[in-house]
Amino acid sequence: MSADVLARQLREMPKVELHCHLEGCVRPETFIDLARRHGVDLPSDDPAQVYAYHDMASFMEVFERLCAAVVTRDDVARITYEALVDAARGSNVVYREMFVNPTLHPTLTYPELLEGLTAGVHEARADTGIVARLIPSVYRAHSPAQAAAMARDVVAGPRDLVVGLGMDGDELAGPPAGFVEAYAIAREGGLHVTAHAGERFDAQEVADCLDLLGCTRLDHGYALTRDPSLAARVKAEGIHVTYAWLSTTYNFHGPMDEHPFRLLRDAGLSLSMGSDDPAMGGTELAGDYVAVADALGFTLADFTAQNRAALEASWLTGPDRDLVRDRLW
């Protein structure tokens, strides 16, 4: 199969995405519009420059500035709709589980935030057919008390679209041990739990998310390539790992034959790829599929299997799960 034919098929392939941040999907033009409306200073009003960053620390600064510009229920509905429509039309995503950080939107109560999210999800589905579920996420730079309060709000709130609790942000900002209470609240309340772990290749971080937080899914998980026994445990326990091309472009600097995606695949782990923060990175999931196929030799069969694995690892239930399954290759 030629590279051009493979690229076309990868772009057309119906996709299940389990690793994507709502705030990282905001169109640059929308970010600029919301920042002007709410008085958030930007270093540039050029859509090509508004998301400029050079490492994880500067990435998080831009991410927090973006969140500060999302202030109202209608802002949330707008960015949710646009994020899902862009995924459906640009990458043929048929199902997405999307992270959102409630504590980064302090002007909104959790019910107000959820109202906006729900409106955007329903409108996007009506226009494109994309199915979506939500994972409120602990932000590591915020306090354990904030995380626990947020988890209580999530457990007490409507659960039609909310399927789990996650954790993101810079791994150096807050260790898993600080969020044991929040995760216990979520698990006892019937939520699934995942966490970003091992993005900086710290295997202890991954182990702590499994042992202290009870995670049944892992996001990034690249540190598993440094600890074969931990990788064997993850494989044996059927823990799904969601990887993201964008993050490895600034967290991995080795040769391609030692790239964590290749090593995780070759170890036989359950895997699937997400776009992470596509608007901030100037990427899209379909383009990431093509990039990984190009750089690492992943095949159409690899991605077909990974989409099936993603659905099996997803927290989607009922008729929508069957609907999505029928759409996959």
Protein backbone atom coordinates (compact mmCIF):
# COMPACT_ATOMS: atom_id res chain seq x y z
CA MET A 1 0.00 0.00 0.00
CA SER A 2 1.41 3.40 -0.94
CA ALA A 3 1.91 6.09 1.70
CA ASP A 4 -0.73 8.26 0.03
CA VAL A 5 -3.33 5.50 0.08
CA LEU A 6 -2.55 4.66 3.71
CA ALA A 7 -2.82 8.33 4.70
CA ARG A 8 -6.21 8.62 3.00
CA GLN A 9 -7.50 5.49 4.73
CA LEU A 10 -6.21 6.64 8.11
CA ARG A 11 -7.95 9.98 7.71
CA GLU A 12 -11.21 8.33 6.66
CA MET A 13 -11.13 5.66 9.38
CA PRO A 14 -13.89 6.03 12.03
CA LYS A 15 -12.11 6.72 15.31
CA VAL A 16 -12.66 6.28 19.05
CA GLU A 17 -10.76 8.84 21.12
CA LEU A 18 -10.24 8.51 24.87
CA HIS A 19 -7.52 11.13 25.44
CA CYS A 20 -8.51 14.69 24.63
CA HIS A 21 -8.86 17.88 26.67
CA LEU A 22 -11.78 20.19 25.96
CA GLU A 23 -9.78 23.30 26.73
CA GLY A 24 -6.98 22.15 24.43
CA CYS A 25 -9.47 21.97 21.54
CA VAL A 26 -10.45 25.65 21.54
CA ARG A 27 -9.99 27.18 18.11
CA PRO A 28 -7.38 29.98 18.18
CA GLU A 29 -9.91 32.46 16.80
CA THR A 30 -12.38 31.49 19.53
CA PHE A 31 -9.70 31.91 22.21
CA ILE A 32 -8.93 35.41 20.94
CA ASP A 33 -12.62 36.32 20.80
CA LEU A 34 -13.32 35.07 24.34
CA ALA A 35 -10.18 36.74 25.73
CA ARG A 36 -11.23 40.10 24.30
CA ARG A 37 -14.75 39.67 25.61
CA HIS A 38 -13.60 38.85 29.15
CA GLY A 39 -10.56 41.10 29.44
CA VAL A 40 -7.86 38.42 29.39
CA ASP A 41 -4.55 39.82 28.16
CA LEU A 42 -2.88 37.85 25.38
CA PRO A 43 0.75 38.05 24.27
CA SER A 44 -0.49 38.03 20.67
CA ASP A 45 -3.78 38.36 18.82
CA ASP A 46 -2.42 36.43 15.85
CA PRO A 47 -4.21 33.05 15.62
CA ALA A 48 -0.93 31.49 14.49
CA GLN A 49 0.88 32.74 17.61
CA VAL A 50 -1.69 32.77 20.39
CA TYR A 51 -0.82 29.20 21.42
CA ALA A 52 2.96 29.61 21.22
CA TYR A 53 4.87 27.56 23.82
CA HIS A 54 8.21 25.75 23.96
CA ASP A 55 8.05 23.25 26.82
CA MET A 56 5.68 21.74 29.38
CA ALA A 57 5.89 24.74 31.74
CA SER A 58 5.07 27.29 29.05
CA PHE A 59 2.37 24.98 27.70
CA MET A 60 0.65 24.99 31.12
CA GLU A 61 0.86 28.80 31.26
CA VAL A 62 -0.96 29.07 27.93
CA PHE A 63 -3.47 26.43 29.03
CA GLU A 64 -4.33 28.35 32.22
CA ARG A 65 -4.65 31.61 30.28
CA LEU A 66 -7.05 29.91 27.90
CA CYS A 67 -9.17 28.57 30.76
CA ALA A 68 -9.37 32.07 32.23
CA ALA A 69 -11.08 33.20 29.02
CA VAL A 70 -13.84 30.58 29.31
CA VAL A 71 -16.11 32.31 31.80
CA THR A 72 -19.79 31.67 31.13
CA ARG A 73 -22.10 28.75 30.53
CA ASP A 74 -22.46 29.86 26.91
CA ASP A 75 -18.68 29.99 26.49
CA VAL A 76 -18.52 26.37 27.59
CA ALA A 77 -21.32 25.35 25.24
CA ARG A 78 -19.56 27.07 22.35
CA ILE A 79 -16.14 25.48 22.87
CA THR A 80 -17.69 22.05 23.49
CA TYR A 81 -19.70 22.22 20.28
CA GLU A 82 -16.75 23.44 18.23
CA ALA A 83 -14.38 20.83 19.68
CA LEU A 84 -16.69 17.95 18.82
CA VAL A 85 -17.68 19.23 15.40
CA ASP A 86 -14.01 19.73 14.50
CA ALA A 87 -13.21 16.17 15.62
CA ALA A 88 -16.10 14.66 13.69
CA ARG A 89 -15.62 16.60 10.47
CA GLY A 90 -11.84 16.82 10.50
CA SER A 91 -10.85 13.37 11.79
CA ASN A 92 -14.01 11.24 11.60
CA VAL A 93 -14.11 10.74 15.37
CA VAL A 94 -17.33 8.87 16.08
CA TYR A 95 -16.88 8.64 19.85
CA ARG A 96 -14.86 10.83 22.21
CA GLU A 97 -14.38 10.87 25.96
CA MET A 98 -13.28 14.40 26.77
CA PHE A 99 -11.49 15.76 29.84
CA VAL A 100 -12.52 19.08 31.36
CA ASN A 101 -11.02 20.92 34.36
CA PRO A 102 -13.80 22.38 36.54
CA THR A 103 -11.43 24.08 39.01
CA LEU A 104 -9.86 26.08 36.18
CA HIS A 105 -13.23 27.79 35.61
CA PRO A 106 -13.89 29.38 39.04
CA THR A 107 -16.57 31.75 37.72
CA LEU A 108 -18.81 28.75 37.06
CA THR A 109 -20.45 26.44 39.53
CA TYR A 110 -20.19 22.80 38.57
CA PRO A 111 -23.91 22.66 37.60
CA GLU A 112 -23.44 25.71 35.34
CA LEU A 113 -20.36 24.17 33.76
CA LEU A 114 -22.20 20.91 33.16
CA GLU A 115 -25.14 22.74 31.59
CA GLY A 116 -22.79 24.28 29.03
CA LEU A 117 -21.03 21.01 28.36
CA THR A 118 -24.31 19.18 27.91
CA ALA A 119 -25.68 21.77 25.50
CA GLY A 120 -22.53 21.59 23.36
CA VAL A 121 -22.49 17.77 23.33
CA HIS A 122 -26.10 17.51 22.24
CA GLU A 123 -25.84 20.19 19.56
CA ALA A 124 -22.69 18.62 18.09
CA ARG A 125 -24.32 15.22 17.98
CA ALA A 126 -27.37 16.63 16.24
CA ASP A 127 -25.17 18.22 13.57
CA THR A 128 -22.55 15.48 13.02
CA GLY A 129 -23.61 12.27 14.79
CA ILE A 130 -20.58 12.28 17.11
CA VAL A 131 -21.17 10.58 20.48
CA ALA A 132 -19.38 12.07 23.49
CA ARG A 133 -18.96 11.53 27.21
CA LEU A 134 -17.22 13.71 29.81
CA ILE A 135 -14.45 13.15 32.35
CA PRO A 136 -14.06 15.99 34.89
CA SER A 137 -10.38 16.16 35.71
CA VAL A 138 -8.31 17.02 38.78
CA TYR A 139 -5.77 19.73 38.01
CA ARG A 140 -2.52 18.82 39.74
CA ALA A 141 -1.48 22.42 40.46
CA HIS A 142 -4.62 22.92 42.56
CA SER A 143 -4.99 21.69 46.11
CA PRO A 144 -6.17 18.27 47.26
CA ALA A 145 -9.06 20.04 49.02
CA GLN A 146 -10.19 21.59 45.73
CA ALA A 147 -9.95 18.20 44.07
CA ALA A 148 -12.03 16.51 46.76
CA ALA A 149 -14.69 19.23 46.62
CA MET A 150 -14.84 18.91 42.84
CA ALA A 151 -15.19 15.13 43.08
CA ARG A 152 -18.11 15.55 45.50
CA ASP A 153 -19.81 17.93 43.07
CA VAL A 154 -19.35 15.46 40.22
CA VAL A 155 -20.69 12.52 42.20
CA ALA A 156 -23.71 14.56 43.31
CA GLY A 157 -24.45 15.93 39.85
CA PRO A 158 -26.21 14.49 36.79
CA ARG A 159 -24.43 11.51 35.27
CA ASP A 160 -26.02 11.12 31.84
CA LEU A 161 -22.82 12.26 30.16
CA VAL A 162 -20.28 12.14 32.99
CA VAL A 163 -18.53 8.77 33.14
CA GLY A 164 -15.36 9.17 35.18
CA LEU A 165 -12.76 11.24 36.99
CA GLY A 166 -9.32 12.02 35.58
CA MET A 167 -6.20 13.93 36.57
CA ASP A 168 -3.96 16.10 34.42
CA GLY A 169 -1.54 18.99 34.48
CA ASP A 170 2.21 18.87 35.03
CA GLU A 171 3.19 15.73 36.91
CA LEU A 172 5.76 17.75 38.86
CA ALA A 173 3.01 19.95 40.32
CA GLY A 174 1.12 17.43 42.45
CA PRO A 175 1.88 13.81 43.33
CA PRO A 176 -0.90 11.18 43.23
CA ALA A 177 -0.73 10.73 47.02
CA GLY A 178 -2.28 14.18 47.44
CA PHE A 179 -5.44 13.18 45.59
CA VAL A 180 -6.31 9.90 47.30
CA GLU A 181 -9.42 11.43 48.89
CA ALA A 182 -10.77 12.80 45.61
CA TYR A 183 -10.33 9.45 43.91
CA ALA A 184 -11.93 7.56 46.78
CA ILE A 185 -14.96 9.86 46.56
CA ALA A 186 -15.19 9.23 42.82
CA ARG A 187 -14.85 5.45 43.05
CA GLU A 188 -17.30 5.16 45.93
CA GLY A 189 -19.70 7.33 43.93
CA GLY A 190 -19.61 4.89 41.03
CA LEU A 191 -17.30 6.78 38.69
CA HIS A 192 -14.52 5.17 36.65
CA VAL A 193 -11.05 6.63 37.26
CA THR A 194 -8.01 7.34 35.13
CA ALA A 195 -5.00 9.63 35.42
CA HIS A 196 -2.24 11.15 33.34
CA ALA A 197 0.85 9.33 34.52
CA GLY A 198 4.32 8.52 33.24
CA GLU A 199 4.34 11.35 30.70
CA ARG A 200 7.75 12.36 32.06
CA PHE A 201 8.85 8.69 32.17
CA ASP A 202 8.54 8.32 35.97
CA ALA A 203 7.50 4.71 36.62
CA GLN A 204 6.74 5.35 40.30
CA GLU A 205 4.17 7.90 39.19
CA VAL A 206 2.39 5.19 37.22
CA ALA A 207 2.54 2.70 40.09
CA ASP A 208 1.11 5.28 42.50
CA CYS A 209 -1.81 6.01 40.19
CA LEU A 210 -2.61 2.31 40.13
CA ASP A 211 -2.02 1.55 43.80
CA LEU A 212 -3.10 4.78 45.52
CA LEU A 213 -5.79 6.04 43.18
CA GLY A 214 -7.17 2.75 41.87
CA CYS A 215 -6.94 3.75 38.20
CA THR A 216 -8.29 1.26 35.70
CA ARG A 217 -6.98 3.22 32.73
CA LEU A 218 -3.77 5.23 32.18
CA ASP A 219 -3.16 8.32 30.06
CA HIS A 220 0.29 8.63 28.45
CA GLY A 221 1.95 5.84 30.46
CA TYR A 222 5.30 6.19 28.66
CA ALA A 223 7.22 5.27 31.83
CA LEU A 224 6.01 1.69 31.37
CA THR A 225 8.80 1.36 28.81
CA ARG A 226 11.32 1.86 31.66
CA ASP A 227 9.84 -0.80 33.98
CA PRO A 228 9.14 -4.17 32.33
CA SER A 229 7.56 -5.64 35.47
CA LEU A 230 5.11 -2.74 35.73
CA ALA A 231 4.32 -3.05 32.03
CA ALA A 232 3.68 -6.77 32.50
CA ARG A 233 1.31 -5.96 35.36
CA VAL A 234 -0.60 -3.42 33.27
CA LYS A 235 -0.91 -5.95 30.46
CA ALA A 236 -2.03 -8.75 32.80
CA GLU A 237 -4.66 -6.54 34.43
CA GLY A 238 -6.01 -5.38 31.06
CA ILE A 239 -5.36 -1.70 31.80
CA HIS A 240 -5.78 0.38 28.67
CA VAL A 241 -3.17 3.07 27.89
CA THR A 242 -4.12 6.17 25.90
CA TYR A 243 -1.10 7.73 24.23
CA ALA A 244 -0.71 11.08 22.48
CA TRP A 245 1.73 12.07 19.74
CA LEU A 246 1.77 15.74 20.73
CA SER A 247 3.20 15.17 24.20
CA THR A 248 6.05 12.98 22.99
CA THR A 249 7.22 15.70 20.62
CA TYR A 250 8.53 17.55 23.69
CA ASN A 251 8.89 14.73 26.24
CA PHE A 252 10.79 12.17 24.15
CA HIS A 253 14.05 12.89 22.35
CA GLY A 254 15.43 9.45 21.54
CA PRO A 255 15.63 7.47 18.31
CA MET A 256 12.42 6.35 16.65
CA ASP A 257 13.19 2.67 17.21
CA GLU A 258 13.07 3.40 20.96
CA HIS A 259 9.93 5.52 20.78
CA PRO A 260 7.50 4.65 23.61
CA PHE A 261 4.57 4.08 21.22
CA ARG A 262 6.51 1.39 19.40
CA LEU A 263 7.74 -0.22 22.63
CA LEU A 264 4.27 -0.22 24.19
CA ARG A 265 2.77 -1.75 21.07
CA ASP A 266 5.47 -4.39 20.84
CA ALA A 267 4.90 -5.26 24.52
CA GLY A 268 1.32 -6.19 23.64
CA LEU A 269 -0.42 -3.57 25.79
CA SER A 270 -3.96 -2.41 25.07
CA LEU A 271 -3.48 0.99 23.42
CA SER A 272 -5.21 3.80 21.60
CA MET A 273 -4.18 7.25 20.46
CA GLY A 274 -5.77 10.57 21.37
CA SER A 275 -5.18 14.07 20.06
CA ASP A 276 -4.54 15.45 23.58
CA ASP A 277 -4.71 19.23 22.90
CA PRO A 278 -5.13 19.48 19.13
CA ALA A 279 -5.87 23.20 18.75
CA MET A 280 -3.03 24.17 21.05
CA GLY A 281 -0.65 21.89 19.20
CA GLY A 282 -1.89 22.82 15.74
CA THR A 283 -2.76 19.18 15.08
CA GLU A 284 -5.75 16.88 14.62
CA LEU A 285 -6.26 13.21 15.41
CA ALA A 286 -6.31 12.11 11.76
CA GLY A 287 -3.05 13.93 11.16
CA ASP A 288 -1.51 12.28 14.21
CA TYR A 289 -2.50 8.87 12.84
CA VAL A 290 -0.66 9.69 9.63
CA ALA A 291 2.37 11.07 11.51
CA VAL A 292 2.69 7.94 13.66
CA ALA A 293 2.30 5.66 10.66
CA ASP A 294 4.99 7.67 8.89
CA ALA A 295 7.45 7.87 11.78
CA LEU A 296 6.92 4.51 13.47
CA GLY A 297 5.49 2.24 10.80
CA PHE A 298 2.11 1.72 12.45
CA THR A 299 -0.26 0.07 9.99
CA LEU A 300 -3.94 0.27 9.13
CA ALA A 301 -4.36 -3.00 11.03
CA ASP A 302 -2.66 -1.48 14.10
CA PHE A 303 -5.07 1.44 14.18
CA THR A 304 -8.11 -0.71 13.41
CA ALA A 305 -7.25 -2.91 16.39
CA GLN A 306 -6.58 0.10 18.58
CA ASN A 307 -9.96 1.66 17.82
CA ARG A 308 -11.64 -1.60 18.78
CA ALA A 309 -9.54 -1.75 21.95
CA ALA A 310 -10.47 1.85 22.75
CA LEU A 311 -14.17 1.11 22.53
CA GLU A 312 -13.77 -1.93 24.76
CA ALA A 313 -11.85 0.20 27.27
CA SER A 314 -14.29 3.09 27.02
CA TRP A 315 -16.88 3.90 29.64
CA LEU A 316 -19.70 4.13 27.12
CA THR A 317 -22.69 1.89 27.82
CA GLY A 318 -26.09 1.03 26.41
CA PRO A 319 -27.33 1.51 22.85
CA ASP A 320 -24.71 4.18 22.11
CA ARG A 321 -21.96 1.60 22.61
CA ASP A 322 -23.56 -0.66 20.03
CA LEU A 323 -24.04 2.29 17.70
CA VAL A 324 -20.36 3.21 17.87
CA ARG A 325 -19.25 -0.41 17.47
CA ASP A 326 -21.26 -0.68 14.27
CA ARG A 327 -19.54 2.40 12.84
CA LEU A 328 -15.99 1.08 13.30
CA TRP A 329 -13.95 -0.71 10.68
